[in-house]
N, C-alpha and C. Protein backbone atom coordinates (compact mmCIF):
# COMPACT_ATOMS: atom_id res chain seq x y z
N MET A 1 119.81 82.37 114.99
CA MET A 1 118.77 82.19 115.97
C MET A 1 118.25 83.56 116.39
N ALA A 2 116.98 83.70 116.48
CA ALA A 2 116.36 84.97 116.85
C ALA A 2 116.23 85.07 118.37
N LYS A 3 116.29 86.31 118.84
CA LYS A 3 116.14 86.57 120.26
C LYS A 3 114.71 87.07 120.50
N VAL A 4 113.98 86.38 121.36
CA VAL A 4 112.59 86.73 121.67
C VAL A 4 112.55 87.44 123.01
N ARG A 5 111.86 88.56 123.03
CA ARG A 5 111.75 89.34 124.26
C ARG A 5 110.26 89.58 124.52
N ILE A 6 109.82 89.34 125.74
CA ILE A 6 108.43 89.56 126.11
C ILE A 6 108.37 90.61 127.22
N ASN A 7 107.63 91.68 126.97
CA ASN A 7 107.44 92.74 127.95
C ASN A 7 105.97 92.82 128.29
N ILE A 8 105.67 93.13 129.56
CA ILE A 8 104.29 93.37 129.98
C ILE A 8 104.21 94.83 130.41
N GLU A 9 103.32 95.57 129.73
CA GLU A 9 103.19 96.99 130.01
C GLU A 9 101.76 97.33 130.36
N SER A 10 101.60 98.33 131.20
CA SER A 10 100.28 98.81 131.59
C SER A 10 99.99 100.08 130.82
N ILE A 11 98.88 100.07 130.07
CA ILE A 11 98.45 101.24 129.32
C ILE A 11 96.99 101.49 129.68
N ASP A 12 96.73 102.65 130.21
CA ASP A 12 95.38 103.02 130.65
C ASP A 12 94.77 101.98 131.59
N GLY A 13 95.60 101.44 132.47
CA GLY A 13 95.11 100.49 133.45
C GLY A 13 94.94 99.07 132.94
N LYS A 14 95.25 98.82 131.67
CA LYS A 14 95.14 97.47 131.12
C LYS A 14 96.54 96.93 130.87
N LEU A 15 96.73 95.64 131.14
CA LEU A 15 98.03 95.01 130.92
C LEU A 15 98.10 94.45 129.50
N PHE A 16 99.21 94.72 128.85
CA PHE A 16 99.44 94.22 127.51
C PHE A 16 100.75 93.43 127.48
N LYS A 17 100.71 92.31 126.82
CA LYS A 17 101.90 91.48 126.62
C LYS A 17 102.45 91.80 125.24
N ILE A 18 103.69 92.31 125.19
CA ILE A 18 104.31 92.71 123.93
C ILE A 18 105.48 91.77 123.65
N LYS A 19 105.41 91.12 122.53
CA LYS A 19 106.45 90.16 122.14
C LYS A 19 107.23 90.73 120.95
N THR A 20 108.55 90.88 121.11
CA THR A 20 109.40 91.35 120.02
C THR A 20 110.41 90.27 119.67
N ILE A 21 110.74 90.20 118.40
CA ILE A 21 111.70 89.22 117.91
C ILE A 21 112.82 89.97 117.20
N ASP A 22 114.04 89.80 117.68
CA ASP A 22 115.21 90.44 117.10
C ASP A 22 116.06 89.40 116.39
N SER A 23 116.47 89.70 115.20
CA SER A 23 117.30 88.78 114.43
C SER A 23 118.75 88.91 114.85
N ASP A 24 119.46 87.79 114.84
CA ASP A 24 120.90 87.81 115.13
C ASP A 24 121.71 88.17 113.89
N ASN A 25 121.08 88.07 112.73
CA ASN A 25 121.79 88.30 111.48
C ASN A 25 121.63 89.76 111.07
N SER A 26 122.70 90.52 111.19
CA SER A 26 122.65 91.93 110.83
C SER A 26 123.12 92.17 109.40
N LYS A 27 123.42 91.10 108.67
CA LYS A 27 123.96 91.28 107.31
C LYS A 27 122.93 91.87 106.36
N LEU A 28 121.66 91.52 106.51
CA LEU A 28 120.63 92.12 105.66
C LEU A 28 120.55 93.62 105.93
N ALA A 29 120.61 94.01 107.18
CA ALA A 29 120.60 95.44 107.51
C ALA A 29 121.82 96.14 106.93
N SER A 30 122.98 95.50 107.00
CA SER A 30 124.19 96.08 106.42
C SER A 30 124.04 96.25 104.92
N PHE A 31 123.43 95.26 104.28
CA PHE A 31 123.21 95.34 102.83
C PHE A 31 122.31 96.52 102.46
N THR A 32 121.22 96.69 103.19
CA THR A 32 120.31 97.81 102.87
C THR A 32 120.96 99.16 103.19
N HIS A 33 121.73 99.23 104.28
CA HIS A 33 122.44 100.47 104.59
C HIS A 33 123.48 100.77 103.51
N TYR A 34 124.15 99.73 103.02
CA TYR A 34 125.14 99.91 101.96
C TYR A 34 124.47 100.46 100.70
N LEU A 35 123.32 99.89 100.32
CA LEU A 35 122.61 100.38 99.14
C LEU A 35 122.17 101.83 99.32
N HIS A 36 121.71 102.15 100.50
CA HIS A 36 121.24 103.51 100.76
C HIS A 36 122.38 104.53 100.72
N ASN A 37 123.57 104.13 101.13
CA ASN A 37 124.71 105.04 101.24
C ASN A 37 125.79 104.80 100.19
N HIS A 38 125.46 104.15 99.08
CA HIS A 38 126.49 103.78 98.11
C HIS A 38 127.17 104.97 97.45
N ASN A 39 126.60 106.17 97.55
CA ASN A 39 127.19 107.34 96.92
C ASN A 39 128.06 108.17 97.87
N ASN A 40 128.20 107.75 99.11
CA ASN A 40 129.02 108.52 100.04
C ASN A 40 129.99 107.60 100.78
N GLY A 41 130.81 108.18 101.59
CA GLY A 41 131.85 107.42 102.28
C GLY A 41 131.35 106.47 103.34
N VAL A 42 130.11 106.61 103.76
CA VAL A 42 129.56 105.74 104.81
C VAL A 42 129.46 104.30 104.32
N CYS A 43 129.32 104.11 103.01
CA CYS A 43 129.12 102.76 102.47
C CYS A 43 130.30 101.84 102.77
N SER A 44 131.50 102.37 102.93
CA SER A 44 132.66 101.52 103.20
C SER A 44 132.52 100.79 104.54
N PHE A 45 131.80 101.39 105.48
CA PHE A 45 131.58 100.75 106.78
C PHE A 45 130.75 99.48 106.65
N TYR A 46 129.80 99.46 105.70
CA TYR A 46 128.86 98.35 105.53
C TYR A 46 129.27 97.37 104.43
N LYS A 47 130.27 97.70 103.66
CA LYS A 47 130.60 96.93 102.46
C LYS A 47 130.93 95.46 102.75
N LYS A 48 131.75 95.19 103.75
CA LYS A 48 132.17 93.82 104.04
C LYS A 48 130.97 92.92 104.35
N ASP A 49 130.09 93.33 105.25
CA ASP A 49 128.92 92.52 105.60
C ASP A 49 127.92 92.46 104.45
N ALA A 50 127.80 93.54 103.67
CA ALA A 50 126.88 93.54 102.53
C ALA A 50 127.32 92.51 101.48
N LEU A 51 128.61 92.46 101.19
CA LEU A 51 129.11 91.48 100.24
C LEU A 51 128.99 90.07 100.78
N SER A 52 129.21 89.90 102.07
CA SER A 52 129.06 88.60 102.70
C SER A 52 127.61 88.13 102.61
N TYR A 53 126.67 89.05 102.77
CA TYR A 53 125.24 88.72 102.64
C TYR A 53 124.93 88.25 101.22
N LEU A 54 125.46 88.96 100.23
CA LEU A 54 125.19 88.60 98.82
C LEU A 54 125.81 87.26 98.45
N LYS A 55 126.95 86.95 99.02
CA LYS A 55 127.61 85.68 98.69
C LYS A 55 126.83 84.48 99.20
N GLY A 56 125.84 84.72 100.04
CA GLY A 56 125.00 83.65 100.55
C GLY A 56 123.97 83.17 99.53
N PHE A 57 123.83 83.87 98.43
CA PHE A 57 122.88 83.48 97.40
C PHE A 57 123.61 82.70 96.31
N PRO A 58 123.28 81.43 96.10
CA PRO A 58 123.99 80.58 95.14
C PRO A 58 124.00 81.14 93.72
N LEU A 59 122.89 81.71 93.26
CA LEU A 59 122.83 82.23 91.90
C LEU A 59 123.82 83.37 91.71
N LEU A 60 123.92 84.25 92.70
CA LEU A 60 124.86 85.36 92.59
C LEU A 60 126.30 84.86 92.62
N SER A 61 126.59 83.85 93.41
CA SER A 61 127.94 83.29 93.46
C SER A 61 128.31 82.68 92.11
N LEU A 62 127.37 81.98 91.49
CA LEU A 62 127.60 81.37 90.19
C LEU A 62 127.82 82.45 89.14
N THR A 63 127.04 83.52 89.18
CA THR A 63 127.17 84.62 88.22
C THR A 63 128.53 85.28 88.37
N GLN A 64 128.99 85.47 89.59
CA GLN A 64 130.31 86.08 89.81
C GLN A 64 131.40 85.22 89.19
N LYS A 65 131.29 83.90 89.32
CA LYS A 65 132.31 83.03 88.76
C LYS A 65 132.31 83.08 87.24
N LEU A 66 131.13 83.21 86.64
CA LEU A 66 131.03 83.26 85.18
C LEU A 66 131.56 84.58 84.63
N VAL A 67 131.34 85.67 85.34
CA VAL A 67 131.77 86.99 84.88
C VAL A 67 133.26 87.17 85.07
N ALA A 68 133.80 86.63 86.16
CA ALA A 68 135.22 86.84 86.50
C ALA A 68 136.15 86.11 85.60
């Protein structure tokens, strides 16, 4: 479920309604951070969530079973 936040800000005397949507699922972010840092030690911090994100794709799960 996404978290919706609405802020009202005044810029140059005009009011603006700003709506932001934050995702509860950080696994995609962990996956991209893992890919970006795969050559250094930082990747170990993201590895668990990155693999969990990939296991959510049925085709990849099937491929893993066939290769293993």
